[in-house]
Amino acid sequence: MRDIKNLLRNSKVLIVIGDYKEYLKLDKLMAFLSLKDTEVVHIEDLAKFNLSFFDIILSTRKIDCIEADNVIVIKNTFHTLLDIVRVLTNKERLSRIVLGLDPGASKSGIVILADGVLIYSCSINREAIGKIREILSSLATYKNVDKITLRVGFQGLDVLADFLKESVIEGNDFIEFEVVNEADVKWMKDIYKEVFNDPDILSAFVIASSKGKPYEKST
């Protein structure tokens, strides 16, 4: 399994900031990505660094003096994660972003894959449908991708799938909506069960990684 932390593990990363407050705002992102020994530089001191040494440059501000494909301006967290995958896999555009959703009995697992690379996972209360809409809305504004897919675990619960399509996908016709029969991919859970401690996230990953089929609303 590929994830964004593995991609970054042997990468040389430079973080460019405008002031100390901006650095504090990056704490959560740096912790999430396990960026502990990363070089940090004030934007005014950038000329002192050999920028060709770094695989990726994350900046809190636009750097006018640099035109390079590996410079990422940090604005939207999901966009930043997607750009990291795009840069480190040497792509101008991503082929597909998949949001895998496991609608569990009490909690729902969510996983986001960018060209097969895991960039995000969480579990939420099943009723928190707004969280899914919020994530999809953020992904939908990302420009450097060809396809965005919501892939949902399906156990014959037509009403739930109808609800998701109407409440989450409505107005975003360019987002593909697919379903995966969980019974058909149950065997995959045994392969990845040592990787994920949360069973809902495990199920969401299996769903996101499986081939889905377009969902047609029940009649």
N, C-alpha and C. Protein backbone atom coordinates (compact mmCIF):
# COMPACT_ATOMS: atom_id res chain seq x y z
N MET A 1 0.83 -1.20 0.00
CA MET A 1 0.00 0.00 0.00
C MET A 1 0.87 1.25 0.00
N ARG A 2 0.54 2.19 -0.87
CA ARG A 2 1.28 3.45 -0.92
C ARG A 2 0.49 4.52 -0.17
N ASP A 3 1.20 5.28 0.65
CA ASP A 3 0.55 6.43 1.27
C ASP A 3 1.48 7.64 1.19
N ILE A 4 0.93 8.80 1.46
CA ILE A 4 1.67 10.04 1.27
C ILE A 4 2.89 10.14 2.18
N LYS A 5 2.80 9.54 3.36
CA LYS A 5 3.94 9.58 4.28
C LYS A 5 5.11 8.78 3.73
N ASN A 6 4.80 7.65 3.08
CA ASN A 6 5.87 6.86 2.47
C ASN A 6 6.54 7.62 1.33
N LEU A 7 5.73 8.35 0.56
CA LEU A 7 6.29 9.15 -0.53
C LEU A 7 7.25 10.21 0.00
N LEU A 8 6.90 10.78 1.15
CA LEU A 8 7.70 11.86 1.71
C LEU A 8 8.91 11.38 2.51
N ARG A 9 8.92 10.11 2.86
CA ARG A 9 9.92 9.60 3.81
C ARG A 9 11.35 9.90 3.38
N ASN A 10 11.66 9.71 2.13
CA ASN A 10 13.02 9.93 1.65
C ASN A 10 13.14 11.19 0.79
N SER A 11 12.14 12.06 0.91
CA SER A 11 12.14 13.29 0.11
C SER A 11 12.73 14.45 0.91
N LYS A 12 13.42 15.32 0.22
CA LYS A 12 13.98 16.52 0.84
C LYS A 12 12.96 17.65 0.70
N VAL A 13 12.48 18.13 1.84
CA VAL A 13 11.39 19.11 1.85
C VAL A 13 11.87 20.42 2.47
N LEU A 14 11.54 21.52 1.81
CA LEU A 14 11.82 22.86 2.34
C LEU A 14 10.49 23.56 2.58
N ILE A 15 10.34 24.15 3.77
CA ILE A 15 9.14 24.92 4.08
C ILE A 15 9.51 26.40 4.15
N VAL A 16 8.79 27.20 3.39
CA VAL A 16 9.04 28.63 3.32
C VAL A 16 7.91 29.37 4.02
N ILE A 17 8.25 30.25 4.96
CA ILE A 17 7.24 30.98 5.72
C ILE A 17 7.48 32.48 5.62
N GLY A 18 6.41 33.24 5.87
CA GLY A 18 6.53 34.70 5.88
C GLY A 18 6.75 35.24 7.28
N ASP A 19 6.21 34.53 8.28
CA ASP A 19 6.44 34.93 9.67
C ASP A 19 6.19 33.72 10.58
N TYR A 20 6.50 33.90 11.86
CA TYR A 20 6.44 32.79 12.80
C TYR A 20 5.01 32.29 13.00
N LYS A 21 4.03 33.20 12.92
CA LYS A 21 2.64 32.79 13.09
C LYS A 21 2.22 31.80 12.01
N GLU A 22 2.73 32.02 10.81
CA GLU A 22 2.42 31.09 9.72
C GLU A 22 3.00 29.71 10.00
N TYR A 23 4.17 29.69 10.62
CA TYR A 23 4.79 28.41 10.96
C TYR A 23 3.94 27.65 11.98
N LEU A 24 3.40 28.37 12.96
CA LEU A 24 2.56 27.73 13.98
C LEU A 24 1.32 27.11 13.35
N LYS A 25 0.79 27.76 12.32
CA LYS A 25 -0.40 27.25 11.65
C LYS A 25 -0.13 25.95 10.90
N LEU A 26 1.14 25.68 10.63
CA LEU A 26 1.51 24.47 9.88
C LEU A 26 1.74 23.26 10.78
N ASP A 27 1.64 23.46 12.09
CA ASP A 27 1.95 22.39 13.04
C ASP A 27 1.18 21.10 12.73
N LYS A 28 -0.14 21.24 12.54
CA LYS A 28 -0.97 20.05 12.32
C LYS A 28 -0.60 19.35 11.02
N LEU A 29 -0.38 20.14 9.97
CA LEU A 29 -0.01 19.55 8.69
C LEU A 29 1.32 18.83 8.78
N MET A 30 2.30 19.45 9.43
CA MET A 30 3.62 18.85 9.56
C MET A 30 3.57 17.58 10.40
N ALA A 31 2.75 17.60 11.46
CA ALA A 31 2.61 16.42 12.31
C ALA A 31 1.93 15.29 11.53
N PHE A 32 0.91 15.63 10.77
CA PHE A 32 0.18 14.64 9.98
C PHE A 32 1.10 13.97 8.96
N LEU A 33 1.98 14.76 8.36
CA LEU A 33 2.89 14.24 7.33
C LEU A 33 4.20 13.73 7.90
N SER A 34 4.35 13.81 9.23
CA SER A 34 5.57 13.37 9.92
C SER A 34 6.80 14.13 9.42
N LEU A 35 6.64 15.43 9.20
CA LEU A 35 7.75 16.27 8.74
C LEU A 35 8.47 16.85 9.96
N LYS A 36 9.35 16.07 10.55
CA LYS A 36 10.01 16.49 11.79
C LYS A 36 11.34 17.20 11.53
N ASP A 37 12.13 16.69 10.62
CA ASP A 37 13.47 17.24 10.40
C ASP A 37 13.53 18.07 9.12
N THR A 38 12.44 18.76 8.84
CA THR A 38 12.35 19.53 7.60
C THR A 38 13.02 20.89 7.76
N GLU A 39 13.68 21.34 6.70
CA GLU A 39 14.27 22.69 6.70
C GLU A 39 13.15 23.73 6.63
N VAL A 40 13.26 24.77 7.46
CA VAL A 40 12.30 25.87 7.44
C VAL A 40 13.07 27.17 7.23
N VAL A 41 12.60 28.01 6.30
CA VAL A 41 13.31 29.24 5.99
C VAL A 41 12.32 30.38 5.84
N HIS A 42 12.73 31.57 6.29
CA HIS A 42 11.92 32.76 6.05
C HIS A 42 12.05 33.14 4.58
N ILE A 43 10.98 33.63 4.00
CA ILE A 43 10.96 33.92 2.57
C ILE A 43 12.05 34.92 2.17
N GLU A 44 12.43 35.81 3.08
CA GLU A 44 13.46 36.80 2.77
C GLU A 44 14.86 36.19 2.73
N ASP A 45 15.02 34.99 3.32
CA ASP A 45 16.32 34.32 3.34
C ASP A 45 16.42 33.21 2.29
N LEU A 46 15.46 33.16 1.41
CA LEU A 46 15.38 32.06 0.45
C LEU A 46 16.60 32.00 -0.48
N ALA A 47 17.17 33.15 -0.77
CA ALA A 47 18.32 33.21 -1.69
C ALA A 47 19.54 32.48 -1.15
N LYS A 48 19.58 32.22 0.14
CA LYS A 48 20.72 31.54 0.75
C LYS A 48 20.70 30.03 0.50
N PHE A 49 19.58 29.52 0.00
CA PHE A 49 19.42 28.07 -0.16
C PHE A 49 19.58 27.65 -1.62
N ASN A 50 20.16 26.49 -1.80
CA ASN A 50 20.22 25.87 -3.12
C ASN A 50 18.92 25.09 -3.32
N LEU A 51 17.97 25.70 -4.01
CA LEU A 51 16.63 25.12 -4.11
C LEU A 51 16.59 23.84 -4.93
N SER A 52 17.57 23.64 -5.78
CA SER A 52 17.60 22.41 -6.59
C SER A 52 17.87 21.18 -5.73
N PHE A 53 18.31 21.39 -4.50
CA PHE A 53 18.59 20.29 -3.57
C PHE A 53 17.31 19.63 -3.08
N PHE A 54 16.19 20.37 -3.13
CA PHE A 54 14.95 19.90 -2.52
C PHE A 54 14.01 19.27 -3.54
N ASP A 55 13.35 18.19 -3.10
CA ASP A 55 12.37 17.52 -3.95
C ASP A 55 11.05 18.29 -4.00
N ILE A 56 10.75 18.96 -2.90
CA ILE A 56 9.48 19.67 -2.82
C ILE A 56 9.64 20.90 -1.92
N ILE A 57 9.01 22.00 -2.32
CA ILE A 57 9.06 23.24 -1.55
C ILE A 57 7.63 23.64 -1.20
N LEU A 58 7.33 23.66 0.09
CA LEU A 58 6.01 24.06 0.57
C LEU A 58 6.11 25.49 1.09
N SER A 59 5.27 26.36 0.57
CA SER A 59 5.35 27.76 0.97
C SER A 59 3.99 28.28 1.42
N THR A 60 4.01 29.10 2.47
CA THR A 60 2.77 29.71 2.95
C THR A 60 2.38 30.91 2.10
N ARG A 61 3.30 31.35 1.24
CA ARG A 61 3.03 32.49 0.37
C ARG A 61 3.52 32.21 -1.04
N LYS A 62 2.97 32.92 -2.00
CA LYS A 62 3.42 32.80 -3.38
C LYS A 62 4.84 33.35 -3.49
N ILE A 63 5.72 32.59 -4.13
CA ILE A 63 7.11 33.01 -4.29
C ILE A 63 7.30 33.52 -5.72
N ASP A 64 7.32 34.83 -5.87
CA ASP A 64 7.37 35.43 -7.21
C ASP A 64 8.68 35.17 -7.93
N CYS A 65 9.76 34.99 -7.17
CA CYS A 65 11.07 34.87 -7.80
C CYS A 65 11.39 33.45 -8.26
N ILE A 66 10.47 32.51 -8.03
CA ILE A 66 10.74 31.11 -8.39
C ILE A 66 9.63 30.58 -9.28
N GLU A 67 10.03 29.99 -10.38
CA GLU A 67 9.08 29.27 -11.22
C GLU A 67 9.57 27.83 -11.33
N ALA A 68 9.00 26.98 -10.52
CA ALA A 68 9.42 25.58 -10.50
C ALA A 68 8.21 24.70 -10.24
N ASP A 69 8.22 23.51 -10.83
CA ASP A 69 7.08 22.60 -10.71
C ASP A 69 6.93 22.03 -9.31
N ASN A 70 8.01 22.08 -8.51
CA ASN A 70 7.95 21.46 -7.19
C ASN A 70 7.61 22.44 -6.07
N VAL A 71 7.18 23.65 -6.43
CA VAL A 71 6.77 24.64 -5.43
C VAL A 71 5.26 24.55 -5.23
N ILE A 72 4.84 24.34 -3.98
CA ILE A 72 3.42 24.24 -3.65
C ILE A 72 3.07 25.32 -2.64
N VAL A 73 2.12 26.16 -3.00
CA VAL A 73 1.64 27.19 -2.07
C VAL A 73 0.53 26.59 -1.22
N ILE A 74 0.72 26.62 0.09
CA ILE A 74 -0.22 25.99 1.01
C ILE A 74 -1.43 26.89 1.23
N LYS A 75 -2.58 26.42 0.80
CA LYS A 75 -3.83 27.14 1.03
C LYS A 75 -4.86 26.17 1.60
N ASN A 76 -5.40 25.35 0.73
CA ASN A 76 -6.36 24.33 1.11
C ASN A 76 -5.60 23.05 1.48
N THR A 77 -5.91 22.47 2.64
CA THR A 77 -5.16 21.29 3.10
C THR A 77 -5.24 20.14 2.11
N PHE A 78 -6.44 19.82 1.64
CA PHE A 78 -6.58 18.71 0.70
C PHE A 78 -5.84 19.00 -0.60
N HIS A 79 -5.91 20.23 -1.08
CA HIS A 79 -5.19 20.59 -2.30
C HIS A 79 -3.68 20.43 -2.11
N THR A 80 -3.20 20.79 -0.92
CA THR A 80 -1.77 20.63 -0.63
C THR A 80 -1.36 19.16 -0.68
N LEU A 81 -2.16 18.30 -0.06
CA LEU A 81 -1.86 16.87 -0.06
C LEU A 81 -1.88 16.31 -1.48
N LEU A 82 -2.85 16.74 -2.27
CA LEU A 82 -2.94 16.28 -3.66
C LEU A 82 -1.75 16.76 -4.48
N ASP A 83 -1.35 18.00 -4.26
CA ASP A 83 -0.20 18.54 -5.00
C ASP A 83 1.09 17.82 -4.62
N ILE A 84 1.22 17.44 -3.36
CA ILE A 84 2.41 16.69 -2.93
C ILE A 84 2.50 15.38 -3.70
N VAL A 85 1.39 14.67 -3.80
CA VAL A 85 1.38 13.41 -4.56
C VAL A 85 1.71 13.67 -6.02
N ARG A 86 1.10 14.70 -6.59
CA ARG A 86 1.33 15.02 -8.00
C ARG A 86 2.80 15.33 -8.27
N VAL A 87 3.41 16.15 -7.41
CA VAL A 87 4.81 16.54 -7.60
C VAL A 87 5.75 15.35 -7.41
N LEU A 88 5.54 14.58 -6.35
CA LEU A 88 6.46 13.49 -6.04
C LEU A 88 6.29 12.29 -6.96
N THR A 89 5.19 12.23 -7.71
CA THR A 89 5.02 11.17 -8.71
C THR A 89 5.27 11.71 -10.13
N ASN A 90 5.79 12.95 -10.19
CA ASN A 90 6.21 13.56 -11.46
C ASN A 90 5.07 13.63 -12.48
N LYS A 91 3.93 14.15 -12.04
CA LYS A 91 2.78 14.27 -12.93
C LYS A 91 2.33 15.73 -13.00
N GLU A 92 1.89 16.13 -14.19
CA GLU A 92 1.29 17.45 -14.33
C GLU A 92 -0.13 17.45 -13.78
N ARG A 93 -0.83 16.32 -13.99
CA ARG A 93 -2.19 16.17 -13.51
C ARG A 93 -2.37 14.78 -12.91
N LEU A 94 -3.23 14.69 -11.92
CA LEU A 94 -3.61 13.39 -11.38
C LEU A 94 -4.69 12.79 -12.27
N SER A 95 -4.71 11.48 -12.37
CA SER A 95 -5.73 10.82 -13.18
C SER A 95 -7.07 10.74 -12.46
N ARG A 96 -7.02 10.36 -11.17
CA ARG A 96 -8.28 10.19 -10.45
C ARG A 96 -8.11 10.37 -8.95
N ILE A 97 -9.06 11.05 -8.35
CA ILE A 97 -9.19 11.11 -6.90
C ILE A 97 -10.40 10.27 -6.53
N VAL A 98 -10.23 9.38 -5.57
CA VAL A 98 -11.34 8.54 -5.11
C VAL A 98 -11.59 8.80 -3.64
N LEU A 99 -12.83 9.13 -3.31
CA LEU A 99 -13.25 9.18 -1.91
C LEU A 99 -14.03 7.89 -1.65
N GLY A 100 -13.45 7.01 -0.84
CA GLY A 100 -14.11 5.76 -0.49
C GLY A 100 -14.89 5.93 0.80
N LEU A 101 -16.13 5.47 0.80
CA LEU A 101 -17.01 5.63 1.96
C LEU A 101 -17.60 4.29 2.37
N ASP A 102 -17.38 3.94 3.63
CA ASP A 102 -18.01 2.76 4.20
C ASP A 102 -19.11 3.21 5.15
N PRO A 103 -20.37 3.10 4.74
CA PRO A 103 -21.47 3.51 5.61
C PRO A 103 -21.76 2.44 6.66
N GLY A 104 -20.99 2.46 7.76
CA GLY A 104 -21.15 1.45 8.80
C GLY A 104 -22.41 1.66 9.62
N ALA A 105 -22.65 0.74 10.55
CA ALA A 105 -23.87 0.78 11.35
C ALA A 105 -23.95 2.02 12.23
N SER A 106 -22.83 2.39 12.88
CA SER A 106 -22.82 3.56 13.75
C SER A 106 -21.85 4.63 13.26
N LYS A 107 -20.76 4.20 12.63
CA LYS A 107 -19.78 5.14 12.10
C LYS A 107 -19.50 4.85 10.63
N SER A 108 -19.08 5.88 9.93
CA SER A 108 -18.71 5.74 8.52
C SER A 108 -17.22 5.99 8.36
N GLY A 109 -16.56 5.12 7.63
CA GLY A 109 -15.14 5.31 7.34
C GLY A 109 -14.98 6.08 6.04
N ILE A 110 -13.99 6.98 6.02
CA ILE A 110 -13.70 7.78 4.84
C ILE A 110 -12.22 7.64 4.49
N VAL A 111 -11.94 7.41 3.22
CA VAL A 111 -10.56 7.32 2.74
C VAL A 111 -10.47 8.09 1.43
N ILE A 112 -9.37 8.81 1.24
CA ILE A 112 -9.13 9.50 -0.03
C ILE A 112 -7.86 8.96 -0.66
N LEU A 113 -7.97 8.52 -1.91
CA LEU A 113 -6.83 8.04 -2.68
C LEU A 113 -6.59 8.99 -3.85
N ALA A 114 -5.34 9.35 -4.07
CA ALA A 114 -4.95 10.16 -5.22
C ALA A 114 -4.06 9.30 -6.10
N ASP A 115 -4.59 8.85 -7.23
CA ASP A 115 -3.88 7.90 -8.09
C ASP A 115 -3.34 6.72 -7.29
N GLY A 116 -4.19 6.21 -6.40
CA GLY A 116 -3.84 5.03 -5.62
C GLY A 116 -3.04 5.30 -4.36
N VAL A 117 -2.67 6.55 -4.12
CA VAL A 117 -1.89 6.90 -2.92
C VAL A 117 -2.84 7.39 -1.84
N LEU A 118 -2.77 6.79 -0.66
CA LEU A 118 -3.62 7.20 0.45
C LEU A 118 -3.15 8.55 1.00
N ILE A 119 -4.04 9.54 0.98
CA ILE A 119 -3.66 10.85 1.50
C ILE A 119 -4.43 11.24 2.75
N TYR A 120 -5.56 10.56 3.02
CA TYR A 120 -6.39 10.99 4.16
C TYR A 120 -7.33 9.85 4.55
N SER A 121 -7.57 9.73 5.86
CA SER A 121 -8.56 8.77 6.35
C SER A 121 -9.13 9.25 7.67
N CYS A 122 -10.39 8.92 7.91
CA CYS A 122 -11.02 9.26 9.19
C CYS A 122 -12.30 8.44 9.32
N SER A 123 -12.87 8.44 10.51
CA SER A 123 -14.20 7.85 10.70
C SER A 123 -15.07 8.90 11.37
N ILE A 124 -16.33 8.94 10.97
CA ILE A 124 -17.27 9.95 11.47
C ILE A 124 -18.57 9.27 11.87
N ASN A 125 -19.37 9.97 12.67
CA ASN A 125 -20.71 9.47 12.97
C ASN A 125 -21.49 9.38 11.67
N ARG A 126 -22.24 8.33 11.54
CA ARG A 126 -22.92 8.09 10.27
C ARG A 126 -23.85 9.24 9.89
N GLU A 127 -24.36 9.94 10.90
CA GLU A 127 -25.29 11.03 10.62
C GLU A 127 -24.59 12.28 10.08
N ALA A 128 -23.27 12.33 10.20
CA ALA A 128 -22.53 13.55 9.83
C ALA A 128 -22.30 13.62 8.32
N ILE A 129 -23.40 13.63 7.58
CA ILE A 129 -23.31 13.65 6.12
C ILE A 129 -22.67 14.93 5.62
N GLY A 130 -22.77 16.00 6.42
CA GLY A 130 -22.18 17.28 6.03
C GLY A 130 -20.67 17.20 5.87
N LYS A 131 -20.01 16.33 6.64
CA LYS A 131 -18.56 16.17 6.55
C LYS A 131 -18.17 15.64 5.17
N ILE A 132 -18.94 14.69 4.68
CA ILE A 132 -18.66 14.13 3.35
C ILE A 132 -18.85 15.20 2.29
N ARG A 133 -19.92 15.96 2.42
CA ARG A 133 -20.18 17.03 1.45
C ARG A 133 -19.06 18.08 1.49
N GLU A 134 -18.59 18.38 2.70
CA GLU A 134 -17.52 19.36 2.86
C GLU A 134 -16.23 18.90 2.18
N ILE A 135 -15.89 17.63 2.38
CA ILE A 135 -14.67 17.09 1.77
C ILE A 135 -14.79 17.07 0.25
N LEU A 136 -15.93 16.60 -0.25
CA LEU A 136 -16.13 16.53 -1.69
C LEU A 136 -16.11 17.92 -2.33
N SER A 137 -16.68 18.89 -1.64
CA SER A 137 -16.68 20.26 -2.16
C SER A 137 -15.26 20.79 -2.29
N SER A 138 -14.42 20.43 -1.32
CA SER A 138 -13.02 20.85 -1.37
C SER A 138 -12.29 20.16 -2.52
N LEU A 139 -12.51 18.86 -2.67
CA LEU A 139 -11.87 18.12 -3.75
C LEU A 139 -12.33 18.62 -5.11
N ALA A 140 -13.60 19.01 -5.19
CA ALA A 140 -14.18 19.42 -6.47
C ALA A 140 -13.55 20.69 -7.02
N THR A 141 -12.92 21.49 -6.16
CA THR A 141 -12.29 22.73 -6.63
C THR A 141 -10.83 22.54 -7.02
N TYR A 142 -10.34 21.30 -6.91
CA TYR A 142 -8.96 21.02 -7.30
C TYR A 142 -8.89 20.90 -8.82
N LYS A 143 -8.00 21.64 -9.44
CA LYS A 143 -7.98 21.76 -10.90
C LYS A 143 -7.15 20.69 -11.60
N ASN A 144 -6.12 20.17 -10.94
CA ASN A 144 -5.16 19.31 -11.63
C ASN A 144 -5.50 17.82 -11.51
N VAL A 145 -6.73 17.49 -11.88
CA VAL A 145 -7.16 16.09 -11.85
C VAL A 145 -8.18 15.87 -12.96
N ASP A 146 -8.17 14.66 -13.51
CA ASP A 146 -9.09 14.35 -14.61
C ASP A 146 -10.45 13.86 -14.12
N LYS A 147 -10.46 13.04 -13.06
CA LYS A 147 -11.72 12.47 -12.58
C LYS A 147 -11.77 12.47 -11.05
N ILE A 148 -12.96 12.70 -10.52
CA ILE A 148 -13.21 12.59 -9.08
C ILE A 148 -14.35 11.61 -8.88
N THR A 149 -14.15 10.63 -8.01
CA THR A 149 -15.13 9.58 -7.83
C THR A 149 -15.49 9.40 -6.36
N LEU A 150 -16.77 9.37 -6.06
CA LEU A 150 -17.26 8.94 -4.75
C LEU A 150 -17.63 7.47 -4.89
N ARG A 151 -16.95 6.61 -4.15
CA ARG A 151 -17.16 5.16 -4.25
C ARG A 151 -17.67 4.66 -2.90
N VAL A 152 -18.87 4.11 -2.90
CA VAL A 152 -19.57 3.78 -1.65
C VAL A 152 -19.80 2.28 -1.53
N GLY A 153 -19.58 1.76 -0.33
CA GLY A 153 -19.90 0.37 -0.06
C GLY A 153 -21.40 0.17 -0.12
N PHE A 154 -21.82 -0.94 -0.72
CA PHE A 154 -23.23 -1.14 -1.04
C PHE A 154 -23.65 -2.54 -0.61
N GLN A 155 -24.76 -2.60 0.13
CA GLN A 155 -25.27 -3.90 0.57
C GLN A 155 -26.76 -4.01 0.26
N GLY A 156 -27.14 -3.44 -0.85
CA GLY A 156 -28.54 -3.49 -1.24
C GLY A 156 -29.39 -2.43 -0.58
N LEU A 157 -28.75 -1.46 0.11
CA LEU A 157 -29.50 -0.41 0.78
C LEU A 157 -29.75 0.74 -0.19
N ASP A 158 -30.70 0.56 -1.09
CA ASP A 158 -30.95 1.54 -2.14
C ASP A 158 -31.28 2.92 -1.57
N VAL A 159 -32.00 2.95 -0.47
CA VAL A 159 -32.43 4.22 0.11
C VAL A 159 -31.22 5.05 0.52
N LEU A 160 -30.22 4.41 1.14
CA LEU A 160 -29.02 5.12 1.55
C LEU A 160 -28.27 5.67 0.35
N ALA A 161 -28.10 4.84 -0.67
CA ALA A 161 -27.38 5.28 -1.87
C ALA A 161 -28.12 6.43 -2.55
N ASP A 162 -29.44 6.33 -2.62
CA ASP A 162 -30.24 7.41 -3.19
C ASP A 162 -30.01 8.71 -2.42
N PHE A 163 -30.01 8.59 -1.09
CA PHE A 163 -29.83 9.76 -0.23
C PHE A 163 -28.47 10.41 -0.47
N LEU A 164 -27.43 9.58 -0.55
CA LEU A 164 -26.09 10.11 -0.78
C LEU A 164 -26.00 10.82 -2.12
N LYS A 165 -26.60 10.22 -3.13
CA LYS A 165 -26.53 10.83 -4.45
C LYS A 165 -27.26 12.17 -4.48
N GLU A 166 -28.40 12.23 -3.82
CA GLU A 166 -29.20 13.45 -3.85
C GLU A 166 -28.64 14.54 -2.95
N SER A 167 -28.07 14.15 -1.80
CA SER A 167 -27.64 15.16 -0.83
C SER A 167 -26.18 15.56 -0.98
N VAL A 168 -25.35 14.67 -1.52
CA VAL A 168 -23.92 14.93 -1.61
C VAL A 168 -23.48 15.27 -3.03
N ILE A 169 -23.97 14.52 -4.00
CA ILE A 169 -23.52 14.69 -5.38
C ILE A 169 -24.31 15.78 -6.11
N GLU A 170 -25.52 16.05 -5.66
CA GLU A 170 -26.38 17.01 -6.36
C GLU A 170 -25.66 18.34 -6.58
N GLY A 171 -25.66 18.79 -7.83
CA GLY A 171 -24.98 20.04 -8.17
C GLY A 171 -23.54 19.85 -8.59
N ASN A 172 -23.01 18.65 -8.38
CA ASN A 172 -21.63 18.33 -8.79
C ASN A 172 -21.68 17.16 -9.77
N ASP A 173 -22.26 17.40 -10.92
CA ASP A 173 -22.49 16.32 -11.88
C ASP A 173 -21.20 15.71 -12.42
N PHE A 174 -20.09 16.44 -12.32
CA PHE A 174 -18.82 15.93 -12.83
C PHE A 174 -18.19 14.92 -11.87
N ILE A 175 -18.74 14.79 -10.65
CA ILE A 175 -18.24 13.78 -9.71
C ILE A 175 -18.93 12.46 -10.00
N GLU A 176 -18.15 11.44 -10.29
CA GLU A 176 -18.71 10.12 -10.56
C GLU A 176 -19.18 9.48 -9.26
N PHE A 177 -20.27 8.77 -9.33
CA PHE A 177 -20.81 8.09 -8.14
C PHE A 177 -20.87 6.60 -8.44
N GLU A 178 -20.06 5.83 -7.71
CA GLU A 178 -20.00 4.39 -7.93
C GLU A 178 -20.29 3.64 -6.64
N VAL A 179 -20.72 2.40 -6.80
CA VAL A 179 -20.96 1.54 -5.64
C VAL A 179 -20.12 0.28 -5.77
N VAL A 180 -19.76 -0.27 -4.62
CA VAL A 180 -18.99 -1.51 -4.55
C VAL A 180 -19.75 -2.48 -3.67
N ASN A 181 -20.02 -3.67 -4.18
CA ASN A 181 -20.67 -4.70 -3.38
C ASN A 181 -19.66 -5.21 -2.36
N GLU A 182 -19.89 -4.90 -1.10
CA GLU A 182 -18.91 -5.23 -0.06
C GLU A 182 -18.68 -6.73 0.09
N ALA A 183 -19.69 -7.52 -0.23
CA ALA A 183 -19.54 -8.97 -0.13
C ALA A 183 -18.50 -9.49 -1.12
N ASP A 184 -18.39 -8.81 -2.27
CA ASP A 184 -17.46 -9.25 -3.31
C ASP A 184 -16.01 -8.93 -2.98
N VAL A 185 -15.78 -7.96 -2.10
CA VAL A 185 -14.40 -7.54 -1.81
C VAL A 185 -14.00 -7.80 -0.36
N LYS A 186 -14.80 -8.60 0.32
CA LYS A 186 -14.53 -8.90 1.73
C LYS A 186 -13.15 -9.52 1.93
N TRP A 187 -12.69 -10.30 0.96
CA TRP A 187 -11.40 -10.97 1.06
C TRP A 187 -10.23 -9.99 1.17
N MET A 188 -10.41 -8.78 0.63
CA MET A 188 -9.33 -7.79 0.67
C MET A 188 -9.05 -7.29 2.08
N LYS A 189 -10.03 -7.39 2.95
CA LYS A 189 -9.84 -6.92 4.32
C LYS A 189 -8.76 -7.72 5.04
N ASP A 190 -8.65 -9.00 4.72
CA ASP A 190 -7.63 -9.83 5.35
C ASP A 190 -6.23 -9.38 4.96
N ILE A 191 -6.09 -8.82 3.77
CA ILE A 191 -4.79 -8.37 3.29
C ILE A 191 -4.32 -7.12 4.04
N TYR A 192 -5.27 -6.22 4.33
CA TYR A 192 -4.90 -4.92 4.89
C TYR A 192 -5.28 -4.75 6.36
N LYS A 193 -5.75 -5.80 7.01
CA LYS A 193 -6.24 -5.65 8.38
C LYS A 193 -5.13 -5.28 9.37
N GLU A 194 -3.87 -5.60 9.03
CA GLU A 194 -2.76 -5.24 9.91
C GLU A 194 -2.35 -3.78 9.73
N VAL A 195 -2.81 -3.16 8.66
CA VAL A 195 -2.43 -1.78 8.35
C VAL A 195 -3.35 -0.78 9.04
N PHE A 196 -4.63 -1.12 9.14
CA PHE A 196 -5.62 -0.19 9.68
C PHE A 196 -6.19 -0.73 10.99
N ASN A 197 -6.09 0.08 12.05
CA ASN A 197 -6.65 -0.32 13.34
C ASN A 197 -8.16 -0.10 13.40
N ASP A 198 -8.64 0.87 12.65
CA ASP A 198 -10.06 1.21 12.65
C ASP A 198 -10.77 0.38 11.57
N PRO A 199 -11.73 -0.47 11.95
CA PRO A 199 -12.40 -1.32 10.95
C PRO A 199 -13.19 -0.53 9.91
N ASP A 200 -13.71 0.64 10.29
CA ASP A 200 -14.46 1.45 9.33
C ASP A 200 -13.54 2.04 8.27
N ILE A 201 -12.34 2.46 8.70
CA ILE A 201 -11.37 2.99 7.74
C ILE A 201 -10.84 1.86 6.85
N LEU A 202 -10.64 0.68 7.44
CA LEU A 202 -10.22 -0.48 6.65
C LEU A 202 -11.23 -0.76 5.55
N SER A 203 -12.51 -0.77 5.91
CA SER A 203 -13.55 -1.04 4.91
C SER A 203 -13.58 0.05 3.84
N ALA A 204 -13.41 1.31 4.27
CA ALA A 204 -13.41 2.41 3.31
C ALA A 204 -12.25 2.30 2.33
N PHE A 205 -11.08 1.87 2.84
CA PHE A 205 -9.92 1.70 1.97
C PHE A 205 -10.16 0.60 0.94
N VAL A 206 -10.72 -0.50 1.39
CA VAL A 206 -11.02 -1.61 0.48
C VAL A 206 -12.01 -1.16 -0.59
N ILE A 207 -13.01 -0.40 -0.18
CA ILE A 207 -14.01 0.11 -1.13
C ILE A 207 -13.36 1.05 -2.14
N ALA A 208 -12.53 1.97 -1.64
CA ALA A 208 -11.87 2.94 -2.52
C ALA A 208 -10.94 2.25 -3.50
N SER A 209 -10.33 1.14 -3.08
CA SER A 209 -9.34 0.45 -3.90
C SER A 209 -9.96 -0.53 -4.89
N SER A 210 -11.25 -0.78 -4.75
CA SER A 210 -11.93 -1.77 -5.59
C SER A 210 -12.56 -1.12 -6.82
N LYS A 211 -12.86 -1.94 -7.79
CA LYS A 211 -13.53 -1.44 -8.98
C LYS A 211 -15.01 -1.27 -8.68
N GLY A 212 -15.50 -0.07 -8.88
CA GLY A 212 -16.91 0.19 -8.64
C GLY A 212 -17.71 0.16 -9.92
N LYS A 213 -19.02 0.25 -9.76
CA LYS A 213 -19.88 0.35 -10.93
C LYS A 213 -20.80 1.55 -10.75
N PRO A 214 -21.15 2.22 -11.84
CA PRO A 214 -22.01 3.41 -11.73
C PRO A 214 -23.31 3.07 -11.03
N TYR A 215 -23.72 3.96 -10.15
CA TYR A 215 -24.95 3.72 -9.41
C TYR A 215 -26.14 4.32 -10.14
N GLU A 216 -27.18 3.54 -10.26
CA GLU A 216 -28.42 4.02 -10.84
C GLU A 216 -29.48 4.05 -9.76
N LYS A 217 -30.14 5.18 -9.66
CA LYS A 217 -31.13 5.38 -8.60
C LYS A 217 -32.22 4.33 -8.69
N SER A 218 -32.62 3.84 -7.51
CA SER A 218 -33.68 2.84 -7.46
C SER A 218 -35.00 3.46 -7.87
N THR A 219 -35.88 2.63 -8.36
CA THR A 219 -37.19 3.13 -8.80
C THR A 219 -38.28 2.61 -7.89
